[in-house]
Amino acid sequence: MKSQIDGHEVFFATGGKEFNPVLPTTVFIHGASFNSTVWKLQARYFAWHANNVLAVDLPGHGNSAGAPLKTIEAMADWLIRVLDATGVAKAAIVGHSMGGQVALDCAGRHGGRVRALALLGCALTIPVNGMLLDPAAANDHLAYDLLNVWGYGRRAQLGVHRMPGLWMMKGGLRIMERAAKDLLSTDLLATNAYDGAGAAVEVSCPTLVVIGEKDMMTSAKAGRALVEAIPGAASVIFPGLGHFMLEEDPDATLDALRDFLIPLQS
């Protein structure tokens, strides 16, 4: 599905179902340098269970045109324009990593448009190591390699893909390699600069924080601090999983999102 936002063509994956504004809508937001394809299992499930799905490609990512936005706040405001363009008054928002920051900021500053919030691999602040920022700024492939190694837990690095012959780490690397020049650097700088403490205390909708026990990008400790900062937030922790839990164990991720979001639709 495509739409015009800010004069640029924007792409949304809808999980294989035609968009129907009468149904409850769930929006999925990807992380830095990634795109909507990371949500393939979760988006398809929700689309085939009485939901509209908008798995967005942020500007300059995936199949969406336009320059990448340089701040988390700008991305959150852009998301509201997406809801306006698609005729959605209120949506559940699911975000991973940088996408979680976008979802958090949106719920904190535009709470009337968000009926539920799920944050995966997210934290109030996500400081980015200079060892990653510097090669990203130089468009050095080392940045992709580091993000890939730090992003996946040890179990995923050893294999365990459900489909024989496939390796999830190589799949994640290919998405980053196909991204536009300077995109990873722009995203990491936005992530590094954002502080979600102000937004967190303003969140008034049901919230779930999903934490990877072995997350090296947003630690389990930082995830628990996020839970404490959001009024009434619930949490689930995945033993042994890293930052990319939606790829490392898509079924467990889907189960957590389904058990949290589906009852809120009734």
Protein backbone atom coordinates (compact mmCIF):
# COMPACT_ATOMS: atom_id res chain seq x y z
CA MET A 1 0.00 0.00 0.00
CA LYS A 2 1.29 3.47 -0.87
CA SER A 3 0.31 6.98 0.08
CA GLN A 4 1.59 10.53 -0.34
CA ILE A 5 3.01 12.06 2.84
CA ASP A 6 4.78 15.43 2.76
CA GLY A 7 4.94 15.25 -1.01
CA HIS A 8 6.72 11.88 -1.07
CA GLU A 9 5.47 8.39 -1.81
CA VAL A 10 5.39 6.29 1.34
CA PHE A 11 5.09 2.51 1.52
CA PHE A 12 3.23 0.46 4.13
CA ALA A 13 3.09 -3.33 4.26
CA THR A 14 -0.43 -4.45 5.14
CA GLY A 15 0.21 -8.12 5.93
CA GLY A 16 -1.40 -9.39 2.73
CA LYS A 17 -4.86 -7.96 3.44
CA GLU A 18 -6.59 -4.94 1.97
CA PHE A 19 -6.67 -1.94 4.29
CA ASN A 20 -10.06 -1.45 5.93
CA PRO A 21 -10.36 1.68 8.13
CA VAL A 22 -13.32 0.19 10.00
CA LEU A 23 -11.06 -2.38 11.67
CA PRO A 24 -8.69 -1.60 14.55
CA THR A 25 -5.26 -0.61 13.24
CA THR A 26 -1.83 -1.71 14.41
CA VAL A 27 1.24 0.20 13.24
CA PHE A 28 4.68 -1.43 13.21
CA ILE A 29 7.85 0.71 13.16
CA HIS A 30 11.27 -0.71 12.30
CA GLY A 31 14.66 0.18 13.77
CA ALA A 32 17.70 2.02 12.43
CA SER A 33 18.57 1.31 8.76
CA PHE A 34 15.95 -1.45 8.56
CA ASN A 35 12.51 -1.50 6.94
CA SER A 36 9.06 -3.03 7.24
CA THR A 37 10.20 -6.53 6.21
CA VAL A 38 11.43 -7.23 9.75
CA TRP A 39 7.78 -7.53 10.85
CA LYS A 40 6.76 -10.14 8.26
CA LEU A 41 5.37 -12.77 10.68
CA GLN A 42 3.82 -10.37 13.17
CA ALA A 43 2.28 -8.12 10.52
CA ARG A 44 0.74 -11.04 8.66
CA TYR A 45 -0.76 -12.53 11.83
CA PHE A 46 -2.46 -9.31 12.89
CA ALA A 47 -3.68 -8.60 9.37
CA TRP A 48 -5.40 -11.99 9.24
CA HIS A 49 -6.95 -11.60 12.69
CA ALA A 50 -9.35 -8.69 12.26
CA ASN A 51 -6.72 -5.94 12.17
CA ASN A 52 -5.54 -3.32 9.79
CA VAL A 53 -1.76 -3.43 9.60
CA LEU A 54 0.50 -0.56 8.64
CA ALA A 55 4.11 -1.79 8.79
CA VAL A 56 5.74 1.44 7.72
CA ASP A 57 8.90 2.17 5.82
CA LEU A 58 10.12 5.40 7.40
CA PRO A 59 11.13 8.14 4.93
CA GLY A 60 14.25 7.14 3.01
CA HIS A 61 13.95 3.52 4.16
CA GLY A 62 12.84 0.49 2.17
CA ASN A 63 10.35 1.56 -0.51
CA SER A 64 9.55 4.99 0.96
CA ALA A 65 10.88 8.06 -0.82
CA GLY A 66 12.15 11.29 0.72
CA ALA A 67 15.08 12.13 2.93
CA PRO A 68 15.42 10.30 6.26
CA LEU A 69 14.19 12.35 9.20
CA LYS A 70 16.90 13.50 11.58
CA THR A 71 15.17 13.39 14.96
CA ILE A 72 12.93 10.95 16.78
CA GLU A 73 10.44 13.75 17.40
CA ALA A 74 10.20 14.44 13.65
CA MET A 75 9.56 10.75 13.00
CA ALA A 76 6.82 10.70 15.65
CA ASP A 77 5.13 13.72 14.09
CA TRP A 78 5.44 12.09 10.66
CA LEU A 79 3.66 9.03 12.06
CA ILE A 80 0.69 11.18 13.01
CA ARG A 81 0.55 12.42 9.41
CA VAL A 82 0.50 8.77 8.32
CA LEU A 83 -2.56 8.17 10.52
CA ASP A 84 -4.20 11.29 9.10
CA ALA A 85 -3.50 10.22 5.51
CA THR A 86 -4.93 6.74 6.06
CA GLY A 87 -7.98 7.93 8.00
CA VAL A 88 -7.01 6.25 11.26
CA ALA A 89 -8.16 8.08 14.37
CA LYS A 90 -6.39 5.83 16.89
CA ALA A 91 -3.90 2.99 16.50
CA ALA A 92 -1.88 0.52 18.51
CA ILE A 93 1.78 1.27 17.86
CA VAL A 94 4.54 -1.35 18.00
CA GLY A 95 8.15 -0.19 17.66
CA HIS A 96 11.56 -1.85 17.79
CA SER A 97 14.72 -0.04 18.93
CA MET A 98 14.72 3.35 17.15
CA GLY A 99 11.16 2.54 16.13
CA GLY A 100 10.39 2.04 19.81
CA GLN A 101 11.67 5.52 20.53
CA VAL A 102 9.38 6.85 17.79
CA ALA A 103 6.43 4.95 19.24
CA LEU A 104 7.21 6.15 22.77
CA ASP A 105 7.48 9.78 21.68
CA CYS A 106 4.27 9.53 19.69
CA ALA A 107 2.36 8.08 22.65
CA GLY A 108 3.81 10.68 25.00
CA ARG A 109 3.09 13.75 22.85
CA HIS A 110 0.09 12.56 20.81
CA GLY A 111 -1.60 10.32 23.34
CA GLY A 112 -5.08 10.83 21.92
CA ARG A 113 -4.04 8.99 18.77
CA VAL A 114 -2.52 5.91 20.48
CA ARG A 115 -4.73 3.20 22.01
CA ALA A 116 -1.91 0.82 22.99
CA LEU A 117 1.88 0.76 22.91
CA ALA A 118 4.42 -2.05 22.59
CA LEU A 119 8.14 -1.28 22.83
CA LEU A 120 10.71 -3.92 21.83
CA GLY A 121 14.43 -3.54 22.50
CA CYS A 122 13.83 0.01 23.66
CA ALA A 123 15.03 2.28 26.47
CA LEU A 124 14.61 5.83 27.73
CA THR A 125 17.97 6.62 26.15
CA ILE A 126 19.98 4.50 23.73
CA PRO A 127 23.58 5.73 23.83
CA VAL A 128 25.41 4.62 20.68
CA ASN A 129 29.04 3.60 21.04
CA GLY A 130 31.51 5.81 19.16
CA MET A 131 32.99 2.63 17.71
CA LEU A 132 29.70 2.34 15.81
CA LEU A 133 28.99 6.03 15.16
CA ASP A 134 32.36 6.72 13.51
CA PRO A 135 32.30 3.99 10.83
CA ALA A 136 28.61 4.70 10.19
CA ALA A 137 29.46 8.36 9.51
CA ALA A 138 32.13 7.19 7.04
CA ASN A 139 29.78 4.66 5.39
CA ASP A 140 32.27 1.99 6.38
CA HIS A 141 30.93 -1.56 6.19
CA LEU A 142 32.38 -2.10 9.66
CA ALA A 143 29.32 -0.31 11.07
CA TYR A 144 27.00 -2.93 9.57
CA ASP A 145 29.20 -5.74 10.87
CA LEU A 146 29.29 -4.32 14.39
CA LEU A 147 25.55 -3.65 14.52
CA ASN A 148 24.89 -7.16 13.25
CA VAL A 149 27.15 -8.83 15.83
CA TRP A 150 25.98 -6.68 18.75
CA GLY A 151 22.34 -6.96 17.70
CA TYR A 152 21.92 -10.73 17.70
CA GLY A 153 22.16 -12.94 20.77
CA ARG A 154 24.65 -15.79 20.96
CA ARG A 155 22.02 -18.40 20.10
CA ALA A 156 21.16 -16.63 16.84
CA GLN A 157 24.83 -16.32 15.92
CA LEU A 158 25.12 -20.10 16.01
CA GLY A 159 22.27 -20.61 13.55
CA VAL A 160 18.89 -22.02 14.67
CA HIS A 161 16.94 -20.52 11.75
CA ARG A 162 13.63 -22.36 11.36
CA MET A 163 14.20 -22.71 7.61
CA PRO A 164 17.09 -25.06 6.73
CA GLY A 165 19.89 -23.36 4.85
CA LEU A 166 19.02 -19.83 6.01
CA TRP A 167 20.96 -17.71 8.49
CA MET A 168 19.17 -14.80 10.15
CA MET A 169 22.34 -12.75 10.68
CA LYS A 170 23.09 -12.72 6.99
CA GLY A 171 19.52 -11.65 6.26
CA GLY A 172 19.80 -8.70 8.65
CA LEU A 173 23.14 -7.73 7.14
CA ARG A 174 21.69 -7.70 3.62
CA ILE A 175 18.92 -5.28 4.64
CA MET A 176 21.49 -2.86 6.03
CA GLU A 177 23.72 -3.20 2.99
CA ARG A 178 20.84 -2.26 0.70
CA ALA A 179 20.08 0.91 2.67
CA ALA A 180 20.90 4.31 1.19
CA LYS A 181 24.25 5.99 1.82
CA ASP A 182 24.38 7.87 5.16
CA LEU A 183 21.10 6.30 6.32
CA LEU A 184 22.55 4.29 9.19
CA SER A 185 24.51 7.29 10.43
CA THR A 186 21.43 9.54 10.33
CA ASP A 187 19.37 6.99 12.26
CA LEU A 188 22.04 6.33 14.86
CA LEU A 189 22.54 10.04 15.52
CA ALA A 190 18.79 10.47 16.02
CA THR A 191 18.70 7.52 18.40
CA ASN A 192 21.76 8.69 20.31
CA ALA A 193 20.32 12.19 20.83
CA TYR A 194 16.86 11.19 22.06
CA ASP A 195 15.80 11.16 25.71
CA GLY A 196 12.38 9.60 26.25
CA ALA A 197 11.98 10.41 29.95
CA GLY A 198 9.61 13.29 29.29
CA ALA A 199 7.46 11.27 26.90
CA ALA A 200 7.38 8.19 29.16
CA VAL A 201 5.65 9.93 32.07
CA GLU A 202 2.96 11.24 29.70
CA VAL A 203 1.99 7.83 28.30
CA SER A 204 -1.57 7.02 29.32
CA CYS A 205 -2.39 3.96 27.20
CA PRO A 206 -1.75 0.28 28.03
CA THR A 207 1.94 -0.42 27.43
CA LEU A 208 4.09 -3.53 27.03
CA VAL A 209 7.90 -3.47 27.11
CA VAL A 210 9.61 -6.51 25.53
CA ILE A 211 13.14 -7.12 26.79
CA GLY A 212 15.89 -9.41 25.50
CA GLU A 213 17.89 -10.83 28.41
CA LYS A 214 21.13 -10.72 26.41
CA ASP A 215 20.47 -7.45 24.58
CA MET A 216 23.78 -5.61 24.05
CA MET A 217 22.19 -2.51 22.48
CA THR A 218 19.48 -1.78 25.06
CA SER A 219 20.30 -3.77 28.16
CA ALA A 220 17.76 -5.63 30.26
CA LYS A 221 18.52 -3.12 33.03
CA ALA A 222 17.63 -0.23 30.71
CA GLY A 223 14.47 -2.07 29.67
CA ARG A 224 13.38 -2.42 33.29
CA ALA A 225 14.02 1.30 33.84
CA LEU A 226 11.73 2.03 30.90
CA VAL A 227 9.00 -0.12 32.46
CA GLU A 228 9.29 1.79 35.73
CA ALA A 229 9.11 5.15 33.95
CA ILE A 230 5.83 4.45 32.09
CA PRO A 231 2.74 4.48 34.32
CA GLY A 232 1.22 1.01 34.57
CA ALA A 233 3.53 -0.58 31.99
CA ALA A 234 3.83 -4.36 31.81
CA SER A 235 6.88 -6.28 30.61
CA VAL A 236 8.07 -9.60 29.28
CA ILE A 237 11.68 -10.74 29.19
CA PHE A 238 12.98 -13.30 26.71
CA PRO A 239 15.74 -15.49 28.21
CA GLY A 240 18.82 -15.77 26.00
CA LEU A 241 17.62 -13.40 23.29
CA GLY A 242 19.39 -10.27 22.10
CA HIS A 243 18.33 -6.97 20.59
CA PHE A 244 16.72 -8.39 17.44
CA MET A 245 14.27 -10.60 19.30
CA LEU A 246 11.63 -10.23 16.57
CA GLU A 247 14.05 -12.05 14.21
CA GLU A 248 15.70 -14.33 16.76
CA ASP A 249 12.40 -15.77 17.99
CA PRO A 250 9.54 -14.41 15.87
CA ASP A 251 7.03 -16.81 17.40
CA ALA A 252 7.74 -15.72 20.98
CA THR A 253 7.60 -12.10 19.87
CA LEU A 254 4.27 -12.68 18.15
CA ASP A 255 2.88 -14.48 21.19
CA ALA A 256 3.79 -11.55 23.46
CA LEU A 257 2.25 -9.00 21.11
CA ARG A 258 -0.87 -11.09 20.47
CA ASP A 259 -1.51 -11.78 24.16
CA PHE A 260 -1.14 -8.09 24.94
CA LEU A 261 -2.88 -6.40 22.00
CA ILE A 262 -5.71 -8.70 20.91
CA PRO A 263 -7.67 -8.47 24.21
CA LEU A 264 -7.51 -4.67 23.99
CA GLN A 265 -9.48 -4.72 20.74
CA SER A 266 -12.68 -5.98 22.35
